[in-house]
Amino acid sequence: MPEQLSPAPRLLRRQQLEERVALSCSAIYARLDRNSPYFDPAFPRPIKLGNGKRPPVAWVESEVDAYIAARIEASRQAA
């Protein structure tokens, strides 16, 4: 019997992430910057898709979905 492969994680590029979390590019990177007053340690971290000084990056869709769900839950509990 052939071995079943699990589906590869879906990756989101930055523009897709912007649409998904309703934040601008600068707001996304502010949440990732430890020196920013908007730093959010729970915000999903990007993964590097290459090498070099500024490799392309993407975010794992399931991690983004989990972050959004957590933000919704926190918002509902605060209300």
PDB file of N, CA and C in Angstrom:
ATOM      1  N   MET A   1       0.848  -1.179   0.000  1.00  0.00           N
ATOM      2  CA  MET A   1       0.000   0.000   0.000  1.00  0.00           C
ATOM      3  C   MET A   1       0.896   1.247   0.000  1.00  0.00           C
ATOM      4  N   PRO A   2       0.638   2.211  -0.901  1.00  0.00           N
ATOM      5  CA  PRO A   2       1.475   3.413  -0.953  1.00  0.00           C
ATOM      6  C   PRO A   2       1.292   4.276   0.294  1.00  0.00           C
ATOM      7  N   GLU A   3       2.379   4.918   0.677  1.00  0.00           N
ATOM      8  CA  GLU A   3       2.351   5.790   1.852  1.00  0.00           C
ATOM      9  C   GLU A   3       1.594   7.073   1.532  1.00  0.00           C
ATOM     10  N   GLN A   4       0.697   7.481   2.419  1.00  0.00           N
ATOM     11  CA  GLN A   4      -0.089   8.695   2.220  1.00  0.00           C
ATOM     12  C   GLN A   4       0.736   9.908   2.621  1.00  0.00           C
ATOM     13  N   LEU A   5       0.777  10.893   1.760  1.00  0.00           N
ATOM     14  CA  LEU A   5       1.482  12.127   2.065  1.00  0.00           C
ATOM     15  C   LEU A   5       0.509  13.131   2.655  1.00  0.00           C
ATOM     16  N   SER A   6       0.952  13.800   3.695  1.00  0.00           N
ATOM     17  CA  SER A   6       0.103  14.842   4.257  1.00  0.00           C
ATOM     18  C   SER A   6       0.237  16.083   3.378  1.00  0.00           C
ATOM     19  N   PRO A   7      -0.828  16.867   3.264  1.00  0.00           N
ATOM     20  CA  PRO A   7      -0.745  18.050   2.415  1.00  0.00           C
ATOM     21  C   PRO A   7       0.262  19.051   2.968  1.00  0.00           C
ATOM     22  N   ALA A   8       0.956  19.699   2.069  1.00  0.00           N
ATOM     23  CA  ALA A   8       1.942  20.714   2.470  1.00  0.00           C
ATOM     24  C   ALA A   8       1.209  21.909   3.072  1.00  0.00           C
ATOM     25  N   PRO A   9       1.815  22.555   4.059  1.00  0.00           N
ATOM     26  CA  PRO A   9       1.186  23.747   4.632  1.00  0.00           C
ATOM     27  C   PRO A   9       1.039  24.823   3.552  1.00  0.00           C
ATOM     28  N   ARG A  10      -0.056  25.523   3.587  1.00  0.00           N
ATOM     29  CA  ARG A  10      -0.277  26.608   2.634  1.00  0.00           C
ATOM     30  C   ARG A  10       0.431  27.848   3.166  1.00  0.00           C
ATOM     31  N   LEU A  11       1.111  28.547   2.278  1.00  0.00           N
ATOM     32  CA  LEU A  11       1.847  29.746   2.655  1.00  0.00           C
ATOM     33  C   LEU A  11       1.168  30.988   2.101  1.00  0.00           C
ATOM     34  N   LEU A  12       1.234  32.054   2.874  1.00  0.00           N
ATOM     35  CA  LEU A  12       0.668  33.330   2.458  1.00  0.00           C
ATOM     36  C   LEU A  12       1.800  34.323   2.246  1.00  0.00           C
ATOM     37  N   ARG A  13       1.776  35.000   1.120  1.00  0.00           N
ATOM     38  CA  ARG A  13       2.739  36.074   0.894  1.00  0.00           C
ATOM     39  C   ARG A  13       2.226  37.315   1.615  1.00  0.00           C
ATOM     40  N   ARG A  14       3.056  38.348   1.690  1.00  0.00           N
ATOM     41  CA  ARG A  14       2.728  39.515   2.511  1.00  0.00           C
ATOM     42  C   ARG A  14       1.409  40.171   2.114  1.00  0.00           C
ATOM     43  N   GLN A  15       1.157  40.337   0.830  1.00  0.00           N
ATOM     44  CA  GLN A  15      -0.101  40.980   0.421  1.00  0.00           C
ATOM     45  C   GLN A  15      -1.310  40.154   0.846  1.00  0.00           C
ATOM     46  N   GLN A  16      -1.190  38.848   0.763  1.00  0.00           N
ATOM     47  CA  GLN A  16      -2.280  37.986   1.222  1.00  0.00           C
ATOM     48  C   GLN A  16      -2.459  38.117   2.731  1.00  0.00           C
ATOM     49  N   LEU A  17      -1.357  38.215   3.456  1.00  0.00           N
ATOM     50  CA  LEU A  17      -1.422  38.400   4.908  1.00  0.00           C
ATOM     51  C   LEU A  17      -2.095  39.727   5.243  1.00  0.00           C
ATOM     52  N   GLU A  18      -1.727  40.784   4.524  1.00  0.00           N
ATOM     53  CA  GLU A  18      -2.340  42.098   4.750  1.00  0.00           C
ATOM     54  C   GLU A  18      -3.861  42.010   4.624  1.00  0.00           C
ATOM     55  N   GLU A  19      -4.335  41.339   3.593  1.00  0.00           N
ATOM     56  CA  GLU A  19      -5.776  41.186   3.395  1.00  0.00           C
ATOM     57  C   GLU A  19      -6.397  40.354   4.513  1.00  0.00           C
ATOM     58  N   ARG A  20      -5.707  39.295   4.925  1.00  0.00           N
ATOM     59  CA  ARG A  20      -6.245  38.362   5.916  1.00  0.00           C
ATOM     60  C   ARG A  20      -6.375  39.008   7.290  1.00  0.00           C
ATOM     61  N   VAL A  21      -5.365  39.790   7.713  1.00  0.00           N
ATOM     62  CA  VAL A  21      -5.389  40.367   9.055  1.00  0.00           C
ATOM     63  C   VAL A  21      -5.823  41.831   9.057  1.00  0.00           C
ATOM     64  N   ALA A  22      -6.114  42.382   7.898  1.00  0.00           N
ATOM     65  CA  ALA A  22      -6.583  43.771   7.752  1.00  0.00           C
ATOM     66  C   ALA A  22      -5.604  44.774   8.353  1.00  0.00           C
ATOM     67  N   LEU A  23      -4.307  44.553   8.087  1.00  0.00           N
ATOM     68  CA  LEU A  23      -3.261  45.462   8.540  1.00  0.00           C
ATOM     69  C   LEU A  23      -2.394  45.853   7.350  1.00  0.00           C
ATOM     70  N   SER A  24      -1.792  47.037   7.428  1.00  0.00           N
ATOM     71  CA  SER A  24      -0.873  47.474   6.385  1.00  0.00           C
ATOM     72  C   SER A  24       0.469  46.769   6.549  1.00  0.00           C
ATOM     73  N   CYS A  25       1.300  46.912   5.551  1.00  0.00           N
ATOM     74  CA  CYS A  25       2.635  46.322   5.600  1.00  0.00           C
ATOM     75  C   CYS A  25       3.409  46.844   6.809  1.00  0.00           C
ATOM     76  N   SER A  26       3.409  48.145   7.015  1.00  0.00           N
ATOM     77  CA  SER A  26       4.164  48.710   8.134  1.00  0.00           C
ATOM     78  C   SER A  26       3.590  48.261   9.478  1.00  0.00           C
ATOM     79  N   ALA A  27       2.277  48.097   9.573  1.00  0.00           N
ATOM     80  CA  ALA A  27       1.664  47.633  10.819  1.00  0.00           C
ATOM     81  C   ALA A  27       2.051  46.178  11.102  1.00  0.00           C
ATOM     82  N   ILE A  28       2.155  45.373  10.067  1.00  0.00           N
ATOM     83  CA  ILE A  28       2.571  43.983  10.239  1.00  0.00           C
ATOM     84  C   ILE A  28       3.992  43.929  10.790  1.00  0.00           C
ATOM     85  N   TYR A  29       4.888  44.673  10.160  1.00  0.00           N
ATOM     86  CA  TYR A  29       6.282  44.633  10.604  1.00  0.00           C
ATOM     87  C   TYR A  29       6.468  45.298  11.965  1.00  0.00           C
ATOM     88  N   ALA A  30       5.612  46.242  12.324  1.00  0.00           N
ATOM     89  CA  ALA A  30       5.669  46.829  13.668  1.00  0.00           C
ATOM     90  C   ALA A  30       5.318  45.773  14.714  1.00  0.00           C
ATOM     91  N   ARG A  31       4.391  44.888  14.401  1.00  0.00           N
ATOM     92  CA  ARG A  31       4.015  43.825  15.342  1.00  0.00           C
ATOM     93  C   ARG A  31       5.115  42.776  15.480  1.00  0.00           C
ATOM     94  N   LEU A  32       5.998  42.709  14.488  1.00  0.00           N
ATOM     95  CA  LEU A  32       7.106  41.754  14.528  1.00  0.00           C
ATOM     96  C   LEU A  32       8.375  42.345  15.147  1.00  0.00           C
ATOM     97  N   ASP A  33       8.433  43.658  15.295  1.00  0.00           N
ATOM     98  CA  ASP A  33       9.628  44.359  15.776  1.00  0.00           C
ATOM     99  C   ASP A  33       9.603  44.483  17.299  1.00  0.00           C
ATOM    100  N   ARG A  34      10.540  43.827  17.958  1.00  0.00           N
ATOM    101  CA  ARG A  34      10.599  43.840  19.422  1.00  0.00           C
ATOM    102  C   ARG A  34      10.780  45.245  19.990  1.00  0.00           C
ATOM    103  N   ASN A  35      11.304  46.182  19.220  1.00  0.00           N
ATOM    104  CA  ASN A  35      11.516  47.549  19.688  1.00  0.00           C
ATOM    105  C   ASN A  35      10.324  48.469  19.430  1.00  0.00           C
ATOM    106  N   SER A  36       9.298  47.958  18.791  1.00  0.00           N
ATOM    107  CA  SER A  36       8.126  48.763  18.465  1.00  0.00           C
ATOM    108  C   SER A  36       7.125  48.750  19.622  1.00  0.00           C
ATOM    109  N   PRO A  37       6.444  49.877  19.853  1.00  0.00           N
ATOM    110  CA  PRO A  37       5.393  49.868  20.877  1.00  0.00           C
ATOM    111  C   PRO A  37       4.205  48.984  20.477  1.00  0.00           C
ATOM    112  N   TYR A  38       4.150  48.588  19.200  1.00  0.00           N
ATOM    113  CA  TYR A  38       3.063  47.737  18.703  1.00  0.00           C
ATOM    114  C   TYR A  38       3.463  46.266  18.622  1.00  0.00           C
ATOM    115  N   PHE A  39       4.640  45.936  19.154  1.00  0.00           N
ATOM    116  CA  PHE A  39       5.116  44.551  19.121  1.00  0.00           C
ATOM    117  C   PHE A  39       4.074  43.616  19.721  1.00  0.00           C
ATOM    118  N   ASP A  40       3.819  42.523  19.033  1.00  0.00           N
ATOM    119  CA  ASP A  40       2.865  41.515  19.492  1.00  0.00           C
ATOM    120  C   ASP A  40       3.563  40.160  19.443  1.00  0.00           C
ATOM    121  N   PRO A  41       3.971  39.625  20.593  1.00  0.00           N
ATOM    122  CA  PRO A  41       4.693  38.348  20.583  1.00  0.00           C
ATOM    123  C   PRO A  41       3.861  37.184  20.046  1.00  0.00           C
ATOM    124  N   ALA A  42       2.551  37.337  20.005  1.00  0.00           N
ATOM    125  CA  ALA A  42       1.691  36.268  19.498  1.00  0.00           C
ATOM    126  C   ALA A  42       1.524  36.330  17.974  1.00  0.00           C
ATOM    127  N   PHE A  43       1.957  37.445  17.361  1.00  0.00           N
ATOM    128  CA  PHE A  43       1.773  37.587  15.916  1.00  0.00           C
ATOM    129  C   PHE A  43       2.613  36.535  15.190  1.00  0.00           C
ATOM    130  N   PRO A  44       2.049  35.875  14.182  1.00  0.00           N
ATOM    131  CA  PRO A  44       2.784  34.814  13.476  1.00  0.00           C
ATOM    132  C   PRO A  44       4.091  35.330  12.870  1.00  0.00           C
ATOM    133  N   ARG A  45       5.130  34.528  12.996  1.00  0.00           N
ATOM    134  CA  ARG A  45       6.444  34.876  12.456  1.00  0.00           C
ATOM    135  C   ARG A  45       6.537  34.413  11.001  1.00  0.00           C
ATOM    136  N   PRO A  46       7.190  35.192  10.154  1.00  0.00           N
ATOM    137  CA  PRO A  46       7.376  34.753   8.768  1.00  0.00           C
ATOM    138  C   PRO A  46       8.456  33.679   8.675  1.00  0.00           C
ATOM    139  N   ILE A  47       8.400  32.923   7.596  1.00  0.00           N
ATOM    140  CA  ILE A  47       9.460  31.964   7.304  1.00  0.00           C
ATOM    141  C   ILE A  47      10.201  32.452   6.068  1.00  0.00           C
ATOM    142  N   LYS A  48      11.501  32.207   6.018  1.00  0.00           N
ATOM    143  CA  LYS A  48      12.315  32.602   4.872  1.00  0.00           C
ATOM    144  C   LYS A  48      12.158  31.581   3.760  1.00  0.00           C
ATOM    145  N   LEU A  49      11.992  32.081   2.533  1.00  0.00           N
ATOM    146  CA  LEU A  49      11.836  31.205   1.383  1.00  0.00           C
ATOM    147  C   LEU A  49      13.103  31.130   0.536  1.00  0.00           C
ATOM    148  N   GLY A  50      14.154  31.757   0.990  1.00  0.00           N
ATOM    149  CA  GLY A  50      15.400  31.747   0.231  1.00  0.00           C
ATOM    150  C   GLY A  50      16.553  32.193   1.087  1.00  0.00           C
ATOM    151  N   ASN A  51      17.661  32.465   0.429  1.00  0.00           N
ATOM    152  CA  ASN A  51      18.873  32.903   1.113  1.00  0.00           C
ATOM    153  C   ASN A  51      19.189  34.327   0.699  1.00  0.00           C
ATOM    154  N   GLY A  52      20.205  34.871   1.285  1.00  0.00           N
ATOM    155  CA  GLY A  52      20.636  36.198   0.913  1.00  0.00           C
ATOM    156  C   GLY A  52      20.309  37.215   1.974  1.00  0.00           C
ATOM    157  N   LYS A  53      20.586  38.461   1.626  1.00  0.00           N
ATOM    158  CA  LYS A  53      20.404  39.550   2.570  1.00  0.00           C
ATOM    159  C   LYS A  53      18.928  39.795   2.896  1.00  0.00           C
ATOM    160  N   ARG A  54      18.084  39.785   1.891  1.00  0.00           N
ATOM    161  CA  ARG A  54      16.643  40.021   2.085  1.00  0.00           C
ATOM    162  C   ARG A  54      15.841  38.952   1.337  1.00  0.00           C
ATOM    163  N   PRO A  55      15.814  37.733   1.887  1.00  0.00           N
ATOM    164  CA  PRO A  55      15.101  36.661   1.190  1.00  0.00           C
ATOM    165  C   PRO A  55      13.595  36.894   1.202  1.00  0.00           C
ATOM    166  N   PRO A  56      12.902  36.356   0.214  1.00  0.00           N
ATOM    167  CA  PRO A  56      11.451  36.448   0.256  1.00  0.00           C
ATOM    168  C   PRO A  56      10.927  35.686   1.473  1.00  0.00           C
ATOM    169  N   VAL A  57       9.810  36.149   2.017  1.00  0.00           N
ATOM    170  CA  VAL A  57       9.225  35.502   3.190  1.00  0.00           C
ATOM    171  C   VAL A  57       7.751  35.200   2.938  1.00  0.00           C
ATOM    172  N   ALA A  58       7.217  34.322   3.767  1.00  0.00           N
ATOM    173  CA  ALA A  58       5.800  33.974   3.728  1.00  0.00           C
ATOM    174  C   ALA A  58       5.380  33.576   5.135  1.00  0.00           C
ATOM    175  N   TRP A  59       4.086  33.520   5.348  1.00  0.00           N
ATOM    176  CA  TRP A  59       3.529  33.121   6.638  1.00  0.00           C
ATOM    177  C   TRP A  59       2.735  31.842   6.444  1.00  0.00           C
ATOM    178  N   VAL A  60       2.763  30.971   7.456  1.00  0.00           N
ATOM    179  CA  VAL A  60       2.016  29.713   7.402  1.00  0.00           C
ATOM    180  C   VAL A  60       0.542  30.034   7.669  1.00  0.00           C
ATOM    181  N   GLU A  61      -0.308  29.665   6.726  1.00  0.00           N
ATOM    182  CA  GLU A  61      -1.728  30.010   6.803  1.00  0.00           C
ATOM    183  C   GLU A  61      -2.383  29.521   8.092  1.00  0.00           C
ATOM    184  N   SER A  62      -2.077  28.316   8.522  1.00  0.00           N
ATOM    185  CA  SER A  62      -2.717  27.780   9.731  1.00  0.00           C
ATOM    186  C   SER A  62      -2.320  28.593  10.967  1.00  0.00           C
ATOM    187  N   GLU A  63      -1.088  29.115  11.012  1.00  0.00           N
ATOM    188  CA  GLU A  63      -0.665  29.955  12.130  1.00  0.00           C
ATOM    189  C   GLU A  63      -1.389  31.298  12.105  1.00  0.00           C
ATOM    190  N   VAL A  64      -1.593  31.830  10.921  1.00  0.00           N
ATOM    191  CA  VAL A  64      -2.330  33.090  10.774  1.00  0.00           C
ATOM    192  C   VAL A  64      -3.779  32.885  11.211  1.00  0.00           C
ATOM    193  N   ASP A  65      -4.380  31.780  10.775  1.00  0.00           N
ATOM    194  CA  ASP A  65      -5.766  31.484  11.157  1.00  0.00           C
ATOM    195  C   ASP A  65      -5.893  31.336  12.673  1.00  0.00           C
ATOM    196  N   ALA A  66      -4.919  30.678  13.313  1.00  0.00           N
ATOM    197  CA  ALA A  66      -4.951  30.506  14.762  1.00  0.00           C
ATOM    198  C   ALA A  66      -4.819  31.854  15.469  1.00  0.00           C
ATOM    199  N   TYR A  67      -3.976  32.739  14.952  1.00  0.00           N
ATOM    200  CA  TYR A  67      -3.812  34.080  15.525  1.00  0.00           C
ATOM    201  C   TYR A  67      -5.122  34.856  15.425  1.00  0.00           C
ATOM    202  N   ILE A  68      -5.755  34.810  14.266  1.00  0.00           N
ATOM    203  CA  ILE A  68      -7.023  35.525  14.082  1.00  0.00           C
ATOM    204  C   ILE A  68      -8.075  34.978  15.044  1.00  0.00           C
ATOM    205  N   ALA A  69      -8.158  33.662  15.157  1.00  0.00           N
ATOM    206  CA  ALA A  69      -9.138  33.050  16.064  1.00  0.00           C
ATOM    207  C   ALA A  69      -8.879  33.474  17.511  1.00  0.00           C
ATOM    208  N   ALA A  70      -7.613  33.547  17.901  1.00  0.00           N
ATOM    209  CA  ALA A  70      -7.276  33.968  19.268  1.00  0.00           C
ATOM    210  C   ALA A  70      -7.652  35.424  19.503  1.00  0.00           C
ATOM    211  N   ARG A  71      -7.435  36.277  18.507  1.00  0.00           N
ATOM    212  CA  ARG A  71      -7.799  37.692  18.629  1.00  0.00           C
ATOM    213  C   ARG A  71      -9.323  37.842  18.729  1.00  0.00           C
ATOM    214  N   ILE A  72     -10.055  37.061  17.970  1.00  0.00           N
ATOM    215  CA  ILE A  72     -11.523  37.102  18.047  1.00  0.00           C
ATOM    216  C   ILE A  72     -11.971  36.671  19.436  1.00  0.00           C
ATOM    217  N   GLU A  73     -11.411  35.580  19.924  1.00  0.00           N
ATOM    218  CA  GLU A  73     -11.770  35.069  21.262  1.00  0.00           C
ATOM    219  C   GLU A  73     -11.463  36.095  22.341  1.00  0.00           C
ATOM    220  N   ALA A  74     -10.293  36.711  22.281  1.00  0.00           N
ATOM    221  CA  ALA A  74      -9.919  37.720  23.271  1.00  0.00           C
ATOM    222  C   ALA A  74     -10.856  38.923  23.204  1.00  0.00           C
ATOM    223  N   SER A  75     -11.245  39.292  22.008  1.00  0.00           N
ATOM    224  CA  SER A  75     -12.156  40.420  21.833  1.00  0.00           C
ATOM    225  C   SER A  75     -13.535  40.102  22.418  1.00  0.00           C
ATOM    226  N   ARG A  76     -13.995  38.878  22.195  1.00  0.00           N
ATOM    227  CA  ARG A  76     -15.319  38.496  22.708  1.00  0.00           C
ATOM    228  C   ARG A  76     -15.328  38.415  24.226  1.00  0.00           C
ATOM    229  N   GLN A  77     -14.233  37.972  24.810  1.00  0.00           N
ATOM    230  CA  GLN A  77     -14.149  37.847  26.260  1.00  0.00           C
ATOM    231  C   GLN A  77     -14.072  39.221  26.920  1.00  0.00           C
ATOM    232  N   ALA A  78     -13.472  40.177  26.245  1.00  0.00           N
ATOM    233  CA  ALA A  78     -13.315  41.523  26.793  1.00  0.00           C
ATOM    234  C   ALA A  78     -14.631  42.302  26.755  1.00  0.00           C
ATOM    235  N   ALA A  79     -15.506  41.903  25.855  1.00  0.00           N
ATOM    236  CA  ALA A  79     -16.776  42.644  25.691  1.00  0.00           C
ATOM    237  C   ALA A  79     -17.793  42.290  26.741  1.00  0.00           C
TER     238      ALA A  79
END
